Structures are given as C-alpha cells and as structure tokens.
Amino acid sequence: MTLEKAFQQEAMAQAQTAMLVWGCPTKRLYQSLETRGGVETARELAGKRRLSDGFDALRRCGHLELSLEALMTKGKYGALFTDEQVNWCLEVLLEAGYYG
C-alpha cells in the first residue's frame, strides 16, 4: 500500500469516527476525501490555512487526534507534506490546546 493510500484510509476512518461517535460535522470533509483524495484535500486546506470541517467540534469534545491536521503531523506521513504545511497544522493544534 502506498503512503498516499494509507493516509487516505486513515483520514477517512478518522472523519467517519468523528462524525458517527462524536457527532462532529465532517460530512463535507469525508466527501472531499472520497472524491479528491486525502493528500490533495489536506494540502489544499493547509495551503489556504483553513481548518478542516469538524476541527472546532473535535476541539470542544477533546478529540483533536481525529482531526485532519493531527493526522498530517504524524511522522510517518511527513514525506507527503511540506514543512510549512505541517508547521501550520502544529501551530493550530497547539493553539487549540492539543499537544499530541
């Protein structure tokens, strides 16, 4: 399995868990992951410095580990994103009180 495919699968699983278990609004994110792909969706959001759908709801319920931003900061996916993209994700996660 390619790194891109692994990221896609994990991102979709996390978005689904956030939606079904925690009631977070991640439907649009899930659809984008399905149609455009996980890496492309993540790169675009980070490039525009836009939080993923459900980020604020995940923050409120204490489960930012399920956010796309947290997934992008995992070391195993480092080759998929620029330092700038990952650093932005780390910045917003830290501002939201998530320390991984």
PDB file of N, CA and C in Angstrom:
ATOM      1  N   MET A   1       0.844  -1.173   0.000  1.00  0.00           N
ATOM      2  CA  MET A   1       0.000   0.000   0.000  1.00  0.00           C
ATOM      3  C   MET A   1       0.891   1.239   0.000  1.00  0.00           C
ATOM      4  N   THR A   2       0.541   2.193  -0.841  1.00  0.00           N
ATOM      5  CA  THR A   2       1.332   3.423  -0.906  1.00  0.00           C
ATOM      6  C   THR A   2       1.065   4.289   0.317  1.00  0.00           C
ATOM      7  N   LEU A   3       1.971   5.209   0.559  1.00  0.00           N
ATOM      8  CA  LEU A   3       1.821   6.150   1.666  1.00  0.00           C
ATOM      9  C   LEU A   3       0.569   7.008   1.478  1.00  0.00           C
ATOM     10  N   GLU A   4       0.316   7.426   0.245  1.00  0.00           N
ATOM     11  CA  GLU A   4      -0.865   8.236  -0.053  1.00  0.00           C
ATOM     12  C   GLU A   4      -2.151   7.467   0.267  1.00  0.00           C
ATOM     13  N   LYS A   5      -2.181   6.197  -0.098  1.00  0.00           N
ATOM     14  CA  LYS A   5      -3.361   5.361   0.150  1.00  0.00           C
ATOM     15  C   LYS A   5      -3.551   5.150   1.655  1.00  0.00           C
ATOM     16  N   ALA A   6      -2.466   4.943   2.377  1.00  0.00           N
ATOM     17  CA  ALA A   6      -2.549   4.765   3.827  1.00  0.00           C
ATOM     18  C   ALA A   6      -3.098   6.032   4.484  1.00  0.00           C
ATOM     19  N   PHE A   7      -2.616   7.202   4.028  1.00  0.00           N
ATOM     20  CA  PHE A   7      -3.110   8.460   4.567  1.00  0.00           C
ATOM     21  C   PHE A   7      -4.602   8.603   4.281  1.00  0.00           C
ATOM     22  N   GLN A   8      -4.988   8.303   3.053  1.00  0.00           N
ATOM     23  CA  GLN A   8      -6.394   8.390   2.636  1.00  0.00           C
ATOM     24  C   GLN A   8      -7.271   7.533   3.543  1.00  0.00           C
ATOM     25  N   GLN A   9      -6.880   6.297   3.742  1.00  0.00           N
ATOM     26  CA  GLN A   9      -7.687   5.385   4.551  1.00  0.00           C
ATOM     27  C   GLN A   9      -7.793   5.854   5.995  1.00  0.00           C
ATOM     28  N   GLU A  10      -6.685   6.298   6.547  1.00  0.00           N
ATOM     29  CA  GLU A  10      -6.707   6.756   7.940  1.00  0.00           C
ATOM     30  C   GLU A  10      -7.527   8.034   8.081  1.00  0.00           C
ATOM     31  N   ALA A  11      -7.401   8.942   7.127  1.00  0.00           N
ATOM     32  CA  ALA A  11      -8.170  10.195   7.166  1.00  0.00           C
ATOM     33  C   ALA A  11      -9.666   9.905   7.084  1.00  0.00           C
ATOM     34  N   MET A  12     -10.050   9.014   6.201  1.00  0.00           N
ATOM     35  CA  MET A  12     -11.471   8.680   6.059  1.00  0.00           C
ATOM     36  C   MET A  12     -12.008   7.985   7.313  1.00  0.00           C
ATOM     37  N   ALA A  13     -11.222   7.104   7.887  1.00  0.00           N
ATOM     38  CA  ALA A  13     -11.641   6.415   9.105  1.00  0.00           C
ATOM     39  C   ALA A  13     -11.812   7.401  10.257  1.00  0.00           C
ATOM     40  N   GLN A  14     -10.883   8.336  10.377  1.00  0.00           N
ATOM     41  CA  GLN A  14     -10.961   9.336  11.442  1.00  0.00           C
ATOM     42  C   GLN A  14     -12.167  10.254  11.248  1.00  0.00           C
ATOM     43  N   ALA A  15     -12.408  10.694  10.019  1.00  0.00           N
ATOM     44  CA  ALA A  15     -13.556  11.564   9.743  1.00  0.00           C
ATOM     45  C   ALA A  15     -14.858  10.841  10.057  1.00  0.00           C
ATOM     46  N   GLN A  16     -14.918   9.571   9.721  1.00  0.00           N
ATOM     47  CA  GLN A  16     -16.121   8.784   9.989  1.00  0.00           C
ATOM     48  C   GLN A  16     -16.325   8.598  11.492  1.00  0.00           C
ATOM     49  N   THR A  17     -15.256   8.316  12.210  1.00  0.00           N
ATOM     50  CA  THR A  17     -15.345   8.176  13.671  1.00  0.00           C
ATOM     51  C   THR A  17     -15.802   9.480  14.305  1.00  0.00           C
ATOM     52  N   ALA A  18     -15.232  10.588  13.856  1.00  0.00           N
ATOM     53  CA  ALA A  18     -15.609  11.900  14.395  1.00  0.00           C
ATOM     54  C   ALA A  18     -17.090  12.164  14.180  1.00  0.00           C
ATOM     55  N   MET A  19     -17.589  11.768  13.022  1.00  0.00           N
ATOM     56  CA  MET A  19     -18.992  12.009  12.680  1.00  0.00           C
ATOM     57  C   MET A  19     -19.923  11.060  13.450  1.00  0.00           C
ATOM     58  N   LEU A  20     -19.620   9.774  13.416  1.00  0.00           N
ATOM     59  CA  LEU A  20     -20.534   8.784  13.987  1.00  0.00           C
ATOM     60  C   LEU A  20     -20.452   8.674  15.509  1.00  0.00           C
ATOM     61  N   VAL A  21     -19.253   8.763  16.057  1.00  0.00           N
ATOM     62  CA  VAL A  21     -19.086   8.581  17.502  1.00  0.00           C
ATOM     63  C   VAL A  21     -19.265   9.895  18.258  1.00  0.00           C
ATOM     64  N   TRP A  22     -18.693  10.975  17.723  1.00  0.00           N
ATOM     65  CA  TRP A  22     -18.691  12.240  18.445  1.00  0.00           C
ATOM     66  C   TRP A  22     -19.647  13.284  17.880  1.00  0.00           C
ATOM     67  N   GLY A  23     -20.328  12.966  16.795  1.00  0.00           N
ATOM     68  CA  GLY A  23     -21.316  13.881  16.236  1.00  0.00           C
ATOM     69  C   GLY A  23     -20.731  15.139  15.613  1.00  0.00           C
ATOM     70  N   CYS A  24     -19.487  15.071  15.206  1.00  0.00           N
ATOM     71  CA  CYS A  24     -18.824  16.233  14.608  1.00  0.00           C
ATOM     72  C   CYS A  24     -19.195  16.355  13.133  1.00  0.00           C
ATOM     73  N   PRO A  25     -19.353  17.582  12.660  1.00  0.00           N
ATOM     74  CA  PRO A  25     -19.760  17.795  11.266  1.00  0.00           C
ATOM     75  C   PRO A  25     -18.608  17.601  10.279  1.00  0.00           C
ATOM     76  N   THR A  26     -18.371  16.364   9.903  1.00  0.00           N
ATOM     77  CA  THR A  26     -17.268  16.080   8.982  1.00  0.00           C
ATOM     78  C   THR A  26     -17.750  15.517   7.648  1.00  0.00           C
ATOM     79  N   LYS A  27     -19.028  15.645   7.368  1.00  0.00           N
ATOM     80  CA  LYS A  27     -19.580  15.073   6.135  1.00  0.00           C
ATOM     81  C   LYS A  27     -18.913  15.649   4.885  1.00  0.00           C
ATOM     82  N   ARG A  28     -18.759  16.980   4.826  1.00  0.00           N
ATOM     83  CA  ARG A  28     -18.116  17.599   3.657  1.00  0.00           C
ATOM     84  C   ARG A  28     -16.664  17.161   3.525  1.00  0.00           C
ATOM     85  N   LEU A  29     -15.967  17.080   4.657  1.00  0.00           N
ATOM     86  CA  LEU A  29     -14.580  16.630   4.643  1.00  0.00           C
ATOM     87  C   LEU A  29     -14.509  15.201   4.109  1.00  0.00           C
ATOM     88  N   TYR A  30     -15.376  14.334   4.599  1.00  0.00           N
ATOM     89  CA  TYR A  30     -15.381  12.935   4.164  1.00  0.00           C
ATOM     90  C   TYR A  30     -15.622  12.852   2.659  1.00  0.00           C
ATOM     91  N   GLN A  31     -16.565  13.632   2.170  1.00  0.00           N
ATOM     92  CA  GLN A  31     -16.862  13.636   0.729  1.00  0.00           C
ATOM     93  C   GLN A  31     -15.656  14.106  -0.080  1.00  0.00           C
ATOM     94  N   SER A  32     -14.960  15.128   0.410  1.00  0.00           N
ATOM     95  CA  SER A  32     -13.769  15.620  -0.284  1.00  0.00           C
ATOM     96  C   SER A  32     -12.667  14.564  -0.276  1.00  0.00           C
ATOM     97  N   LEU A  33     -12.502  13.889   0.841  1.00  0.00           N
ATOM     98  CA  LEU A  33     -11.508  12.823   0.933  1.00  0.00           C
ATOM     99  C   LEU A  33     -11.817  11.723  -0.082  1.00  0.00           C
ATOM    100  N   GLU A  34     -13.103  11.416  -0.209  1.00  0.00           N
ATOM    101  CA  GLU A  34     -13.531  10.372  -1.145  1.00  0.00           C
ATOM    102  C   GLU A  34     -13.306  10.766  -2.602  1.00  0.00           C
ATOM    103  N   THR A  35     -13.676  11.983  -2.949  1.00  0.00           N
ATOM    104  CA  THR A  35     -13.645  12.390  -4.351  1.00  0.00           C
ATOM    105  C   THR A  35     -12.298  12.947  -4.798  1.00  0.00           C
ATOM    106  N   ARG A  36     -11.631  13.712  -3.942  1.00  0.00           N
ATOM    107  CA  ARG A  36     -10.392  14.377  -4.335  1.00  0.00           C
ATOM    108  C   ARG A  36      -9.154  13.678  -3.804  1.00  0.00           C
ATOM    109  N   GLY A  37      -9.344  12.857  -2.796  1.00  0.00           N
ATOM    110  CA  GLY A  37      -8.214  12.174  -2.185  1.00  0.00           C
ATOM    111  C   GLY A  37      -7.756  12.870  -0.917  1.00  0.00           C
ATOM    112  N   GLY A  38      -7.203  12.090  -0.020  1.00  0.00           N
ATOM    113  CA  GLY A  38      -6.784  12.611   1.271  1.00  0.00           C
ATOM    114  C   GLY A  38      -5.644  13.599   1.203  1.00  0.00           C
ATOM    115  N   VAL A  39      -4.628  13.262   0.432  1.00  0.00           N
ATOM    116  CA  VAL A  39      -3.445  14.120   0.363  1.00  0.00           C
ATOM    117  C   VAL A  39      -3.785  15.448  -0.303  1.00  0.00           C
ATOM    118  N   GLU A  40      -4.518  15.399  -1.407  1.00  0.00           N
ATOM    119  CA  GLU A  40      -4.879  16.635  -2.099  1.00  0.00           C
ATOM    120  C   GLU A  40      -5.755  17.524  -1.221  1.00  0.00           C
ATOM    121  N   THR A  41      -6.726  16.927  -0.544  1.00  0.00           N
ATOM    122  CA  THR A  41      -7.595  17.685   0.357  1.00  0.00           C
ATOM    123  C   THR A  41      -6.789  18.328   1.468  1.00  0.00           C
ATOM    124  N   ALA A  42      -5.912  17.568   2.094  1.00  0.00           N
ATOM    125  CA  ALA A  42      -5.098  18.075   3.195  1.00  0.00           C
ATOM    126  C   ALA A  42      -4.167  19.192   2.732  1.00  0.00           C
ATOM    127  N   ARG A  43      -3.523  18.996   1.600  1.00  0.00           N
ATOM    128  CA  ARG A  43      -2.616  20.021   1.069  1.00  0.00           C
ATOM    129  C   ARG A  43      -3.350  21.318   0.776  1.00  0.00           C
ATOM    130  N   GLU A  44      -4.535  21.187   0.192  1.00  0.00           N
ATOM    131  CA  GLU A  44      -5.306  22.388  -0.141  1.00  0.00           C
ATOM    132  C   GLU A  44      -5.724  23.153   1.111  1.00  0.00           C
ATOM    133  N   LEU A  45      -6.246  22.430   2.105  1.00  0.00           N
ATOM    134  CA  LEU A  45      -6.671  23.083   3.342  1.00  0.00           C
ATOM    135  C   LEU A  45      -5.499  23.772   4.028  1.00  0.00           C
ATOM    136  N   ALA A  46      -4.384  23.083   4.142  1.00  0.00           N
ATOM    137  CA  ALA A  46      -3.214  23.666   4.792  1.00  0.00           C
ATOM    138  C   ALA A  46      -2.651  24.835   3.976  1.00  0.00           C
ATOM    139  N   GLY A  47      -2.670  24.686   2.659  1.00  0.00           N
ATOM    140  CA  GLY A  47      -2.175  25.753   1.796  1.00  0.00           C
ATOM    141  C   GLY A  47      -2.990  27.018   1.917  1.00  0.00           C
ATOM    142  N   LYS A  48      -4.292  26.850   2.132  1.00  0.00           N
ATOM    143  CA  LYS A  48      -5.188  28.003   2.303  1.00  0.00           C
ATOM    144  C   LYS A  48      -5.305  28.425   3.767  1.00  0.00           C
ATOM    145  N   ARG A  49      -4.624  27.665   4.632  1.00  0.00           N
ATOM    146  CA  ARG A  49      -4.687  27.907   6.077  1.00  0.00           C
ATOM    147  C   ARG A  49      -6.133  27.908   6.569  1.00  0.00           C
ATOM    148  N   ARG A  50      -6.833  26.882   6.135  1.00  0.00           N
ATOM    149  CA  ARG A  50      -8.235  26.709   6.501  1.00  0.00           C
ATOM    150  C   ARG A  50      -8.381  25.435   7.318  1.00  0.00           C
ATOM    151  N   LEU A  51      -9.040  25.523   8.446  1.00  0.00           N
ATOM    152  CA  LEU A  51      -9.250  24.360   9.295  1.00  0.00           C
ATOM    153  C   LEU A  51     -10.190  23.370   8.625  1.00  0.00           C
ATOM    154  N   SER A  52      -9.967  22.106   8.878  1.00  0.00           N
ATOM    155  CA  SER A  52     -10.840  21.078   8.319  1.00  0.00           C
ATOM    156  C   SER A  52     -12.204  21.120   9.002  1.00  0.00           C
ATOM    157  N   ASP A  53     -13.209  20.643   8.276  1.00  0.00           N
ATOM    158  CA  ASP A  53     -14.554  20.558   8.847  1.00  0.00           C
ATOM    159  C   ASP A  53     -14.507  19.689  10.088  1.00  0.00           C
ATOM    160  N   GLY A  54     -15.153  20.152  11.117  1.00  0.00           N
ATOM    161  CA  GLY A  54     -15.209  19.396  12.358  1.00  0.00           C
ATOM    162  C   GLY A  54     -14.108  19.728  13.347  1.00  0.00           C
ATOM    163  N   PHE A  55     -13.119  20.524  12.945  1.00  0.00           N
ATOM    164  CA  PHE A  55     -11.993  20.826  13.833  1.00  0.00           C
ATOM    165  C   PHE A  55     -12.471  21.434  15.145  1.00  0.00           C
ATOM    166  N   ASP A  56     -13.315  22.461  15.057  1.00  0.00           N
ATOM    167  CA  ASP A  56     -13.779  23.133  16.277  1.00  0.00           C
ATOM    168  C   ASP A  56     -14.616  22.202  17.148  1.00  0.00           C
ATOM    169  N   ALA A  57     -15.454  21.390  16.522  1.00  0.00           N
ATOM    170  CA  ALA A  57     -16.263  20.437  17.284  1.00  0.00           C
ATOM    171  C   ALA A  57     -15.369  19.393  17.953  1.00  0.00           C
ATOM    172  N   LEU A  58     -14.347  18.944  17.256  1.00  0.00           N
ATOM    173  CA  LEU A  58     -13.406  17.988  17.856  1.00  0.00           C
ATOM    174  C   LEU A  58     -12.640  18.619  19.012  1.00  0.00           C
ATOM    175  N   ARG A  59     -12.306  19.890  18.879  1.00  0.00           N
ATOM    176  CA  ARG A  59     -11.639  20.606  19.971  1.00  0.00           C
ATOM    177  C   ARG A  59     -12.544  20.650  21.194  1.00  0.00           C
ATOM    178  N   ARG A  60     -13.809  20.994  20.977  1.00  0.00           N
ATOM    179  CA  ARG A  60     -14.752  21.111  22.092  1.00  0.00           C
ATOM    180  C   ARG A  60     -14.966  19.776  22.810  1.00  0.00           C
ATOM    181  N   CYS A  61     -14.961  18.682  22.074  1.00  0.00           N
ATOM    182  CA  CYS A  61     -15.194  17.387  22.729  1.00  0.00           C
ATOM    183  C   CYS A  61     -13.887  16.690  23.130  1.00  0.00           C
ATOM    184  N   GLY A  62     -12.762  17.356  22.908  1.00  0.00           N
ATOM    185  CA  GLY A  62     -11.482  16.820  23.374  1.00  0.00           C
ATOM    186  C   GLY A  62     -10.908  15.703  22.527  1.00  0.00           C
ATOM    187  N   HIS A  63     -11.200  15.730  21.221  1.00  0.00           N
ATOM    188  CA  HIS A  63     -10.707  14.656  20.355  1.00  0.00           C
ATOM    189  C   HIS A  63     -10.041  15.181  19.087  1.00  0.00           C
ATOM    190  N   LEU A  64      -9.144  16.138  19.259  1.00  0.00           N
ATOM    191  CA  LEU A  64      -8.418  16.672  18.106  1.00  0.00           C
ATOM    192  C   LEU A  64      -7.503  15.644  17.457  1.00  0.00           C
ATOM    193  N   GLU A  65      -7.246  14.530  18.118  1.00  0.00           N
ATOM    194  CA  GLU A  65      -6.445  13.470  17.498  1.00  0.00           C
ATOM    195  C   GLU A  65      -7.138  12.911  16.252  1.00  0.00           C
ATOM    196  N   LEU A  66      -8.442  13.173  16.126  1.00  0.00           N
ATOM    197  CA  LEU A  66      -9.200  12.722  14.962  1.00  0.00           C
ATOM    198  C   LEU A  66      -9.230  13.750  13.835  1.00  0.00           C
ATOM    199  N   SER A  67      -8.588  14.891  14.040  1.00  0.00           N
ATOM    200  CA  SER A  67      -8.606  15.936  13.011  1.00  0.00           C
ATOM    201  C   SER A  67      -7.612  15.627  11.884  1.00  0.00           C
ATOM    202  N   LEU A  68      -7.918  16.158  10.732  1.00  0.00           N
ATOM    203  CA  LEU A  68      -7.014  16.012   9.586  1.00  0.00           C
ATOM    204  C   LEU A  68      -5.669  16.664   9.890  1.00  0.00           C
ATOM    205  N   GLU A  69      -5.714  17.764  10.636  1.00  0.00           N
ATOM    206  CA  GLU A  69      -4.485  18.470  10.998  1.00  0.00           C
ATOM    207  C   GLU A  69      -3.569  17.592  11.846  1.00  0.00           C
ATOM    208  N   ALA A  70      -4.136  16.870  12.805  1.00  0.00           N
ATOM    209  CA  ALA A  70      -3.332  15.975  13.640  1.00  0.00           C
ATOM    210  C   ALA A  70      -2.744  14.839  12.805  1.00  0.00           C
ATOM    211  N   LEU A  71      -3.530  14.333  11.881  1.00  0.00           N
ATOM    212  CA  LEU A  71      -3.041  13.253  11.021  1.00  0.00           C
ATOM    213  C   LEU A  71      -1.869  13.717  10.170  1.00  0.00           C
ATOM    214  N   MET A  72      -1.939  14.949   9.677  1.00  0.00           N
ATOM    215  CA  MET A  72      -0.858  15.481   8.841  1.00  0.00           C
ATOM    216  C   MET A  72       0.458  15.616   9.596  1.00  0.00           C
ATOM    217  N   THR A  73       0.395  15.713  10.916  1.00  0.00           N
ATOM    218  CA  THR A  73       1.620  15.898  11.703  1.00  0.00           C
ATOM    219  C   THR A  73       2.275  14.579  12.111  1.00  0.00           C
ATOM    220  N   LYS A  74       1.637  13.474  11.806  1.00  0.00           N
ATOM    221  CA  LYS A  74       2.242  12.180  12.139  1.00  0.00           C
ATOM    222  C   LYS A  74       3.510  11.985  11.310  1.00  0.00           C
ATOM    223  N   GLY A  75       4.575  11.607  11.968  1.00  0.00           N
ATOM    224  CA  GLY A  75       5.868  11.443  11.316  1.00  0.00           C
ATOM    225  C   GLY A  75       5.851  10.530  10.110  1.00  0.00           C
ATOM    226  N   LYS A  76       5.049   9.483  10.159  1.00  0.00           N
ATOM    227  CA  LYS A  76       5.028   8.538   9.045  1.00  0.00           C
ATOM    228  C   LYS A  76       4.494   9.153   7.768  1.00  0.00           C
ATOM    229  N   TYR A  77       3.781  10.288   7.864  1.00  0.00           N
ATOM    230  CA  TYR A  77       3.250  10.949   6.674  1.00  0.00           C
ATOM    231  C   TYR A  77       4.045  12.200   6.293  1.00  0.00           C
ATOM    232  N   GLY A  78       5.164  12.407   6.929  1.00  0.00           N
ATOM    233  CA  GLY A  78       5.972  13.604   6.699  1.00  0.00           C
ATOM    234  C   GLY A  78       6.373  13.835   5.256  1.00  0.00           C
ATOM    235  N   ALA A  79       6.611  12.772   4.512  1.00  0.00           N
ATOM    236  CA  ALA A  79       7.050  12.910   3.116  1.00  0.00           C
ATOM    237  C   ALA A  79       5.948  13.450   2.201  1.00  0.00           C
ATOM    238  N   LEU A  80       4.704  13.423   2.663  1.00  0.00           N
ATOM    239  CA  LEU A  80       3.582  13.850   1.826  1.00  0.00           C
ATOM    240  C   LEU A  80       3.349  15.363   1.840  1.00  0.00           C
ATOM    241  N   PHE A  81       3.903  16.045   2.857  1.00  0.00           N
ATOM    242  CA  PHE A  81       3.589  17.457   3.047  1.00  0.00           C
ATOM    243  C   PHE A  81       4.851  18.289   3.229  1.00  0.00           C
ATOM    244  N   THR A  82       4.735  19.569   2.916  1.00  0.00           N
ATOM    245  CA  THR A  82       5.867  20.473   3.102  1.00  0.00           C
ATOM    246  C   THR A  82       6.014  20.804   4.587  1.00  0.00           C
ATOM    247  N   ASP A  83       7.190  21.281   4.946  1.00  0.00           N
ATOM    248  CA  ASP A  83       7.415  21.719   6.327  1.00  0.00           C
ATOM    249  C   ASP A  83       6.435  22.824   6.696  1.00  0.00           C
ATOM    250  N   GLU A  84       6.158  23.715   5.764  1.00  0.00           N
ATOM    251  CA  GLU A  84       5.234  24.823   6.024  1.00  0.00           C
ATOM    252  C   GLU A  84       3.829  24.307   6.334  1.00  0.00           C
ATOM    253  N   GLN A  85       3.367  23.322   5.590  1.00  0.00           N
ATOM    254  CA  GLN A  85       2.037  22.749   5.825  1.00  0.00           C
ATOM    255  C   GLN A  85       1.968  22.077   7.192  1.00  0.00           C
ATOM    256  N   VAL A  86       2.968  21.291   7.521  1.00  0.00           N
ATOM    257  CA  VAL A  86       2.987  20.589   8.803  1.00  0.00           C
ATOM    258  C   VAL A  86       3.126  21.580   9.953  1.00  0.00           C
ATOM    259  N   ASN A  87       3.977  22.575   9.799  1.00  0.00           N
ATOM    260  CA  ASN A  87       4.156  23.570  10.853  1.00  0.00           C
ATOM    261  C   ASN A  87       2.868  24.343  11.121  1.00  0.00           C
ATOM    262  N   TRP A  88       2.119  24.656  10.060  1.00  0.00           N
ATOM    263  CA  TRP A  88       0.848  25.340  10.255  1.00  0.00           C
ATOM    264  C   TRP A  88      -0.104  24.450  11.058  1.00  0.00           C
ATOM    265  N   CYS A  89      -0.156  23.167  10.720  1.00  0.00           N
ATOM    266  CA  CYS A  89      -1.012  22.232  11.455  1.00  0.00           C
ATOM    267  C   CYS A  89      -0.607  22.166  12.927  1.00  0.00           C
ATOM    268  N   LEU A  90       0.682  22.079  13.172  1.00  0.00           N
ATOM    269  CA  LEU A  90       1.164  22.050  14.559  1.00  0.00           C
ATOM    270  C   LEU A  90       0.768  23.320  15.296  1.00  0.00           C
ATOM    271  N   GLU A  91       0.894  24.443  14.634  1.00  0.00           N
ATOM    272  CA  GLU A  91       0.544  25.733  15.233  1.00  0.00           C
ATOM    273  C   GLU A  91      -0.932  25.776  15.643  1.00  0.00           C
ATOM    274  N   VAL A  92      -1.834  25.388  14.737  1.00  0.00           N
ATOM    275  CA  VAL A  92      -3.261  25.462  15.072  1.00  0.00           C
ATOM    276  C   VAL A  92      -3.633  24.427  16.136  1.00  0.00           C
ATOM    277  N   LEU A  93      -2.982  23.277  16.112  1.00  0.00           N
ATOM    278  CA  LEU A  93      -3.251  22.268  17.137  1.00  0.00           C
ATOM    279  C   LEU A  93      -2.792  22.755  18.510  1.00  0.00           C
ATOM    280  N   LEU A  94      -1.611  23.347  18.572  1.00  0.00           N
ATOM    281  CA  LEU A  94      -1.117  23.871  19.846  1.00  0.00           C
ATOM    282  C   LEU A  94      -1.983  25.005  20.358  1.00  0.00           C
ATOM    283  N   GLU A  95      -2.402  25.900  19.444  1.00  0.00           N
ATOM    284  CA  GLU A  95      -3.301  26.994  19.849  1.00  0.00           C
ATOM    285  C   GLU A  95      -4.616  26.461  20.397  1.00  0.00           C
ATOM    286  N   ALA A  96      -5.045  25.312  19.895  1.00  0.00           N
ATOM    287  CA  ALA A  96      -6.309  24.716  20.351  1.00  0.00           C
ATOM    288  C   ALA A  96      -6.115  23.862  21.618  1.00  0.00           C
ATOM    289  N   GLY A  97      -4.874  23.787  22.115  1.00  0.00           N
ATOM    290  CA  GLY A  97      -4.611  23.051  23.340  1.00  0.00           C
ATOM    291  C   GLY A  97      -4.306  21.577  23.146  1.00  0.00           C
ATOM    292  N   TYR A  98      -4.011  21.182  21.920  1.00  0.00           N
ATOM    293  CA  TYR A  98      -3.687  19.780  21.631  1.00  0.00           C
ATOM    294  C   TYR A  98      -2.181  19.636  21.528  1.00  0.00           C
ATOM    295  N   TYR A  99      -1.644  18.730  22.325  1.00  0.00           N
ATOM    296  CA  TYR A  99      -0.195  18.535  22.349  1.00  0.00           C
ATOM    297  C   TYR A  99       0.222  17.147  21.889  1.00  0.00           C
ATOM    298  N   GLY A 100      -0.709  16.426  21.273  1.00  0.00           N
ATOM    299  CA  GLY A 100      -0.433  15.124  20.680  1.00  0.00           C
ATOM    300  C   GLY A 100       0.091  14.130  21.616  1.00  0.00           C
TER     301      GLY A 100
END
